[in-house]
Protein backbone atom coordinates (compact mmCIF):
# COMPACT_ATOMS: atom_id res chain seq x y z
CA UNK A 1 -0.20 0.23 0.01
CA UNK A 2 2.58 2.33 0.97
CA UNK A 3 4.36 1.74 -2.37
CA UNK A 4 0.95 2.86 -4.32
CA UNK A 5 0.80 6.30 -2.30
CA UNK A 6 4.08 7.04 -3.31
CA UNK A 7 3.55 6.67 -7.16
CA UNK A 8 0.24 8.15 -7.26
CA UNK A 9 0.06 10.84 -4.64
CA UNK A 10 -3.14 12.24 -3.60
CA UNK A 11 -3.31 15.93 -4.09
CA UNK A 12 -3.46 18.18 -0.93
CA UNK A 13 -6.79 18.97 0.53
CA UNK A 14 -6.63 22.56 -0.35
CA UNK A 15 -6.33 21.84 -4.06
CA UNK A 16 -9.66 20.11 -4.66
CA UNK A 17 -10.48 17.77 -7.18
CA UNK A 18 -8.24 17.88 -10.45
CA UNK A 19 -10.18 19.04 -13.45
CA UNK A 20 -10.85 16.91 -16.58
CA UNK A 21 -9.20 18.29 -19.60
CA UNK A 22 -10.77 19.70 -22.78
CA UNK A 23 -9.74 16.56 -24.69
CA UNK A 24 -11.74 14.15 -21.79
CA UNK A 25 -14.34 16.30 -21.96
CA UNK A 26 -14.47 16.48 -25.85
CA UNK A 27 -14.19 12.38 -25.72
CA UNK A 28 -16.79 11.83 -23.33
CA UNK A 29 -19.43 14.01 -25.15
CA UNK A 30 -18.57 12.34 -28.57
CA UNK A 31 -19.17 8.91 -27.01
CA UNK A 32 -22.22 10.19 -25.47
CA UNK A 33 -23.65 11.36 -28.85
CA UNK A 34 -22.53 8.29 -30.78
CA UNK A 35 -24.29 6.19 -27.78
CA UNK A 36 -27.37 7.78 -27.73
CA UNK A 37 -29.09 5.89 -30.65
CA UNK A 38 -28.21 2.50 -28.80
CA UNK A 39 -29.18 3.77 -25.33
CA UNK A 40 -32.29 4.85 -26.80
CA UNK A 41 -33.19 1.92 -28.22
CA UNK A 42 -32.20 -0.23 -25.18
CA UNK A 43 -33.91 2.14 -22.95
CA UNK A 44 -37.51 1.57 -25.08
CA UNK A 45 -36.90 -2.29 -25.57
CA UNK A 46 -36.65 -2.29 -21.63
CA UNK A 47 -39.62 -0.08 -21.19
CA UNK A 48 -41.60 -2.29 -23.41
CA UNK A 49 -40.42 -5.43 -21.72
CA UNK A 50 -41.42 -4.18 -18.26
CA UNK A 51 -44.91 -2.21 -19.52
CA UNK A 52 -45.88 -4.62 -22.10
CA UNK A 53 -46.03 -1.59 -24.27
CA UNK A 54 -45.27 -1.32 -28.30
CA UNK A 55 -42.43 0.07 -29.61
CA UNK A 56 -43.40 2.11 -32.74
CA UNK A 57 -41.72 1.24 -35.63
CA UNK A 58 -41.25 -2.49 -34.74
CA UNK A 59 -43.36 -3.74 -37.61
CA UNK A 60 -44.17 -2.01 -41.25
CA UNK A 61 -46.70 -2.47 -44.18
CA UNK A 62 -44.98 -2.91 -47.42
CA UNK A 63 -46.85 -1.69 -50.40
CA UNK A 64 -46.47 -3.87 -53.56
CA UNK A 65 -48.20 -3.55 -56.88
CA UNK A 66 -48.62 -6.24 -59.40
CA UNK A 67 -49.96 -6.45 -62.93
CA UNK A 68 -52.94 -8.61 -62.51
CA UNK A 69 -54.68 -10.77 -59.85
CA UNK A 70 -52.83 -14.06 -60.79
CA UNK A 71 -49.26 -12.50 -60.43
CA UNK A 72 -50.60 -10.80 -57.12
CA UNK A 73 -51.87 -14.36 -55.92
CA UNK A 74 -48.46 -15.87 -56.82
CA UNK A 75 -46.26 -13.31 -55.37
CA UNK A 76 -48.30 -13.38 -52.07
CA UNK A 77 -48.12 -17.13 -51.71
CA UNK A 78 -44.48 -16.96 -52.28
CA UNK A 79 -43.96 -14.31 -49.57
CA UNK A 80 -46.31 -16.51 -47.16
CA UNK A 81 -44.29 -19.59 -47.78
CA UNK A 82 -41.00 -18.15 -46.83
CA UNK A 83 -42.76 -16.67 -43.67
CA UNK A 84 -41.66 -13.13 -44.59
CA UNK A 85 -45.14 -11.68 -43.53
CA UNK A 86 -47.95 -12.83 -41.21
CA UNK A 87 -50.61 -11.28 -43.61
CA UNK A 88 -51.02 -10.36 -47.03
CA UNK A 89 -54.05 -8.33 -48.10
CA UNK A 90 -54.83 -8.53 -52.09
CA UNK A 91 -56.77 -4.93 -52.89
CA UNK A 92 -58.77 -5.38 -56.23
CA UNK A 93 -58.05 -3.23 -59.31
CA UNK A 94 -56.97 0.39 -59.12
CA UNK A 95 -56.14 2.63 -61.83
CA UNK A 96 -52.50 4.14 -61.81
CA UNK A 97 -50.80 6.80 -63.92
CA UNK A 98 -47.22 7.14 -63.92
CA UNK A 99 -44.02 8.02 -65.97
CA UNK A 100 -42.28 5.29 -67.48
CA UNK A 101 -39.24 5.81 -69.91
CA UNK A 102 -40.34 9.27 -70.39
CA UNK A 103 -43.83 8.42 -71.43
CA UNK A 104 -47.02 9.27 -69.56
CA UNK A 105 -48.47 5.33 -68.70
CA UNK A 106 -52.17 4.41 -67.38
CA UNK A 107 -52.73 1.00 -66.39
CA UNK A 108 -54.63 -1.13 -63.68
CA UNK A 109 -52.86 -2.99 -61.02
CA UNK A 110 -53.36 -4.99 -58.06
CA UNK A 111 -52.14 -3.65 -54.68
CA UNK A 112 -50.31 -6.31 -52.05
CA UNK A 113 -50.37 -4.82 -48.66
CA UNK A 114 -47.62 -6.91 -46.80
CA UNK A 115 -47.68 -7.09 -42.89
CA UNK A 116 -44.35 -7.72 -41.53
CA UNK A 117 -41.51 -6.96 -39.06
CA UNK A 118 -39.37 -4.16 -40.19
CA UNK A 119 -36.32 -6.33 -39.80
CA UNK A 120 -37.51 -8.62 -42.37
CA UNK A 121 -38.26 -5.15 -45.08
CA UNK A 122 -34.86 -5.59 -46.76
CA UNK A 123 -35.50 -9.46 -47.25
CA UNK A 124 -38.96 -9.10 -48.64
CA UNK A 125 -37.84 -6.44 -50.90
CA UNK A 126 -34.99 -8.49 -52.36
CA UNK A 127 -37.17 -11.68 -52.42
CA UNK A 128 -39.81 -9.87 -54.32
CA UNK A 129 -37.60 -8.24 -56.68
CA UNK A 130 -36.20 -11.75 -57.78
CA UNK A 131 -39.68 -12.94 -58.55
CA UNK A 132 -41.76 -10.05 -59.84
CA UNK A 133 -42.49 -9.80 -63.54
CA UNK A 134 -41.83 -5.77 -63.53
CA UNK A 135 -38.63 -4.60 -64.50
CA UNK A 136 -38.62 -2.16 -61.57
CA UNK A 137 -41.37 -3.36 -59.11
CA UNK A 138 -42.83 -1.02 -56.69
CA UNK A 139 -42.02 -1.84 -53.21
CA UNK A 140 -42.19 0.42 -50.61
CA UNK A 141 -42.75 0.32 -46.81
CA UNK A 142 -44.19 2.20 -44.20
CA UNK A 143 -43.64 1.54 -40.10
CA UNK A 144 -46.62 1.25 -38.25
CA UNK A 145 -46.62 3.48 -35.52
CA UNK A 146 -49.72 2.40 -33.24
CA UNK A 147 -52.25 -0.54 -33.63
CA UNK A 148 -53.98 -3.17 -31.67
CA UNK A 149 -51.63 -4.47 -29.28
CA UNK A 150 -52.97 -7.98 -29.75
CA UNK A 151 -52.60 -7.67 -33.60
CA UNK A 152 -49.29 -6.56 -33.47
CA UNK A 153 -48.26 -9.56 -31.13
CA UNK A 154 -49.75 -11.62 -33.71
CA UNK A 155 -47.41 -10.45 -36.29
CA UNK A 156 -44.44 -10.85 -34.20
CA UNK A 157 -45.65 -14.41 -33.31
CA UNK A 158 -45.90 -15.61 -37.12
CA UNK A 159 -42.92 -13.91 -38.65
CA UNK A 160 -39.67 -15.44 -37.56
CA UNK A 161 -36.74 -12.83 -36.19
CA UNK A 162 -33.79 -12.55 -38.49
């Protein structure tokens, strides 16, 4: 013990506590800013686990347009077979106007509403692009902010984690 106090002497009581240098302060602030998203996510997950509340954005709805009902059914079935979604709505024909290769086009399409985990959106998008007949299929998603807790829990139970 004596050897330790000789190598690391304590400052006299009149000096008070040593102050951190500017580099130390900058380093601590930088680490706090960089770790904020991680800490916030952990806090949300902890709050959800304790209270049973839903974490906004955990699940998403993906929109996929298809040329006709048969293609829509085939894609919906393939998505379900791969367990990339818990539920797929196949909505009836809708009219669409869009620009394609510089020209205004008009068509009828079938819309799929795909309910899944947000973490599965990348895999879902890649898979749909690989089987979709369109050169550039519409695959977009929106996070689910709120909803029936029992339904959201059901989605979670029916779509495997990554």
